[in-house]
N, C-alpha and C. Protein backbone atom coordinates (compact mmCIF):
# COMPACT_ATOMS: atom_id res chain seq x y z
N UNK A 1 -0.24 -8.07 -5.42
CA UNK A 1 -0.01 -6.66 -5.31
C UNK A 1 0.37 -6.16 -6.69
N UNK A 2 -0.30 -5.08 -7.10
CA UNK A 2 0.01 -4.47 -8.39
C UNK A 2 0.49 -3.05 -8.16
N UNK A 3 1.59 -2.70 -8.79
CA UNK A 3 2.16 -1.35 -8.72
C UNK A 3 2.56 -0.98 -10.14
N UNK A 4 1.99 0.12 -10.63
CA UNK A 4 2.13 0.49 -12.04
C UNK A 4 1.57 -0.68 -12.86
N UNK A 5 2.33 -1.24 -13.77
CA UNK A 5 1.84 -2.35 -14.59
C UNK A 5 2.44 -3.69 -14.18
N UNK A 6 3.03 -3.76 -13.01
CA UNK A 6 3.70 -4.99 -12.57
C UNK A 6 2.91 -5.62 -11.41
N UNK A 7 2.63 -6.91 -11.52
CA UNK A 7 1.90 -7.64 -10.49
C UNK A 7 2.80 -8.71 -9.89
N UNK A 8 2.81 -8.79 -8.57
CA UNK A 8 3.62 -9.78 -7.85
C UNK A 8 2.75 -10.48 -6.82
N UNK A 9 2.94 -11.77 -6.66
CA UNK A 9 2.29 -12.52 -5.59
C UNK A 9 3.25 -12.56 -4.41
N UNK A 10 2.77 -12.18 -3.25
CA UNK A 10 3.60 -12.14 -2.04
C UNK A 10 3.03 -13.15 -1.05
N UNK A 11 3.87 -14.00 -0.53
CA UNK A 11 3.46 -15.03 0.42
C UNK A 11 3.93 -14.67 1.83
N UNK A 12 3.42 -15.39 2.81
CA UNK A 12 3.79 -15.16 4.21
C UNK A 12 5.30 -15.21 4.36
N UNK A 13 5.84 -14.22 5.08
CA UNK A 13 7.26 -14.17 5.35
C UNK A 13 8.07 -13.41 4.32
N UNK A 14 7.47 -13.05 3.21
CA UNK A 14 8.19 -12.31 2.18
C UNK A 14 8.10 -10.81 2.44
N UNK A 15 9.03 -10.07 1.84
CA UNK A 15 9.07 -8.62 1.96
C UNK A 15 8.89 -8.02 0.57
N UNK A 16 8.12 -6.95 0.51
CA UNK A 16 7.91 -6.24 -0.74
C UNK A 16 8.14 -4.77 -0.48
N UNK A 17 9.03 -4.16 -1.24
CA UNK A 17 9.33 -2.74 -1.09
C UNK A 17 8.68 -2.02 -2.27
N UNK A 18 7.82 -1.04 -1.97
CA UNK A 18 7.09 -0.31 -3.00
C UNK A 18 7.67 1.08 -3.18
N UNK A 19 7.76 1.56 -4.41
CA UNK A 19 8.25 2.91 -4.64
C UNK A 19 7.21 3.95 -4.19
N UNK A 20 7.68 5.11 -3.81
CA UNK A 20 6.78 6.19 -3.41
C UNK A 20 6.08 6.78 -4.63
N UNK A 21 4.96 7.44 -4.39
CA UNK A 21 4.23 8.17 -5.43
C UNK A 21 3.83 7.33 -6.62
N UNK A 22 3.48 6.09 -6.39
CA UNK A 22 3.00 5.21 -7.45
C UNK A 22 1.61 4.69 -7.07
N UNK A 23 0.78 4.47 -8.07
CA UNK A 23 -0.52 3.86 -7.81
C UNK A 23 -0.29 2.38 -7.58
N UNK A 24 -0.89 1.86 -6.51
CA UNK A 24 -0.74 0.45 -6.19
C UNK A 24 -2.06 -0.13 -5.73
N UNK A 25 -2.25 -1.39 -5.92
CA UNK A 25 -3.47 -2.09 -5.51
C UNK A 25 -3.05 -3.36 -4.81
N UNK A 26 -3.60 -3.57 -3.63
CA UNK A 26 -3.30 -4.77 -2.86
C UNK A 26 -4.60 -5.55 -2.70
N UNK A 27 -4.58 -6.80 -3.08
CA UNK A 27 -5.76 -7.65 -3.01
C UNK A 27 -5.40 -8.92 -2.24
N UNK A 28 -6.21 -9.26 -1.27
CA UNK A 28 -5.99 -10.48 -0.50
C UNK A 28 -7.27 -11.32 -0.58
N UNK A 29 -7.23 -12.49 -1.26
CA UNK A 29 -8.43 -13.32 -1.40
C UNK A 29 -8.85 -13.98 -0.09
N UNK A 30 -8.00 -13.93 0.91
CA UNK A 30 -8.33 -14.45 2.23
C UNK A 30 -7.73 -13.51 3.27
N UNK A 31 -8.04 -13.75 4.53
CA UNK A 31 -7.54 -12.88 5.60
C UNK A 31 -6.03 -12.74 5.50
N UNK A 32 -5.55 -11.50 5.61
CA UNK A 32 -4.11 -11.24 5.49
C UNK A 32 -3.71 -10.13 6.46
N UNK A 33 -2.45 -10.08 6.78
CA UNK A 33 -1.90 -9.05 7.65
C UNK A 33 -0.66 -8.49 6.99
N UNK A 34 -0.52 -7.18 7.06
CA UNK A 34 0.66 -6.54 6.47
C UNK A 34 1.29 -5.62 7.50
N UNK A 35 2.59 -5.58 7.52
CA UNK A 35 3.33 -4.65 8.38
C UNK A 35 3.90 -3.58 7.47
N UNK A 36 3.55 -2.34 7.75
CA UNK A 36 3.89 -1.23 6.86
C UNK A 36 4.84 -0.28 7.55
N UNK A 37 5.84 0.18 6.83
CA UNK A 37 6.77 1.19 7.35
C UNK A 37 6.81 2.35 6.36
N UNK A 38 6.65 3.55 6.88
CA UNK A 38 6.71 4.74 6.04
C UNK A 38 6.93 5.96 6.93
N UNK A 39 7.04 7.10 6.34
CA UNK A 39 7.21 8.34 7.12
C UNK A 39 6.02 8.51 8.06
N UNK A 40 6.27 9.04 9.23
CA UNK A 40 5.22 9.23 10.21
C UNK A 40 4.15 10.21 9.75
N UNK A 41 4.48 11.14 8.86
CA UNK A 41 3.48 12.12 8.40
C UNK A 41 2.91 11.73 7.04
N UNK A 42 3.01 10.46 6.66
CA UNK A 42 2.55 10.01 5.35
C UNK A 42 1.03 10.08 5.20
N UNK A 43 0.58 10.26 3.98
CA UNK A 43 -0.84 10.25 3.64
C UNK A 43 -1.04 9.36 2.42
N UNK A 44 -2.28 8.99 2.17
CA UNK A 44 -2.62 8.18 1.00
C UNK A 44 -3.69 8.88 0.20
N UNK A 45 -3.73 8.60 -1.08
CA UNK A 45 -4.81 9.12 -1.92
C UNK A 45 -5.42 7.97 -2.69
N UNK A 46 -6.65 8.16 -3.14
CA UNK A 46 -7.37 7.15 -3.89
C UNK A 46 -7.65 7.70 -5.28
N UNK A 47 -7.27 6.99 -6.33
CA UNK A 47 -7.54 7.48 -7.68
C UNK A 47 -9.03 7.77 -7.87
N UNK A 48 -9.33 8.93 -8.41
CA UNK A 48 -10.72 9.32 -8.64
C UNK A 48 -11.36 10.05 -7.47
N UNK A 49 -10.68 10.10 -6.33
CA UNK A 49 -11.21 10.80 -5.15
C UNK A 49 -10.36 12.05 -4.90
N UNK A 50 -11.00 13.08 -4.38
CA UNK A 50 -10.28 14.32 -4.09
C UNK A 50 -9.51 14.22 -2.78
N UNK A 51 -8.40 14.91 -2.72
CA UNK A 51 -7.64 15.04 -1.48
C UNK A 51 -6.89 13.78 -1.08
N UNK A 52 -6.39 13.80 0.14
CA UNK A 52 -5.63 12.67 0.69
C UNK A 52 -6.30 12.18 1.96
N UNK A 53 -5.90 11.02 2.39
CA UNK A 53 -6.42 10.42 3.63
C UNK A 53 -5.27 10.27 4.62
N UNK A 54 -5.51 10.71 5.82
CA UNK A 54 -4.51 10.49 6.87
C UNK A 54 -4.54 9.01 7.25
N UNK A 55 -3.40 8.42 7.43
CA UNK A 55 -3.33 7.02 7.78
C UNK A 55 -3.38 6.86 9.29
N UNK A 56 -4.02 5.79 9.80
CA UNK A 56 -4.20 5.63 11.25
C UNK A 56 -2.90 5.72 12.03
N UNK A 57 -1.80 5.13 11.52
CA UNK A 57 -0.54 5.15 12.26
C UNK A 57 0.18 6.47 12.15
N UNK A 58 -0.34 7.40 11.32
CA UNK A 58 0.29 8.71 11.18
C UNK A 58 -0.33 9.73 12.12
N UNK A 59 -1.27 9.31 12.94
CA UNK A 59 -1.95 10.22 13.87
C UNK A 59 -1.16 10.42 15.13
C-alpha cells in the first residue's frame, strides 16, 4: 500500500489506518480481502478522472 510517498507491506491480520484526502494505491499480487471503515457518505476519486465515485457500501 502506498500513500503519499510512503509504501508499507501489510500482511494478514494487520491493521493499516490511512489519512483522509490523500492519494493512495493498493496493490495485491494475489487474491486479497480488505475490511474498510469510513463515513457512510464517503466517496472516492481517481487521479486524472473527473468527479467522484460513490462507493458500494455508501449506497
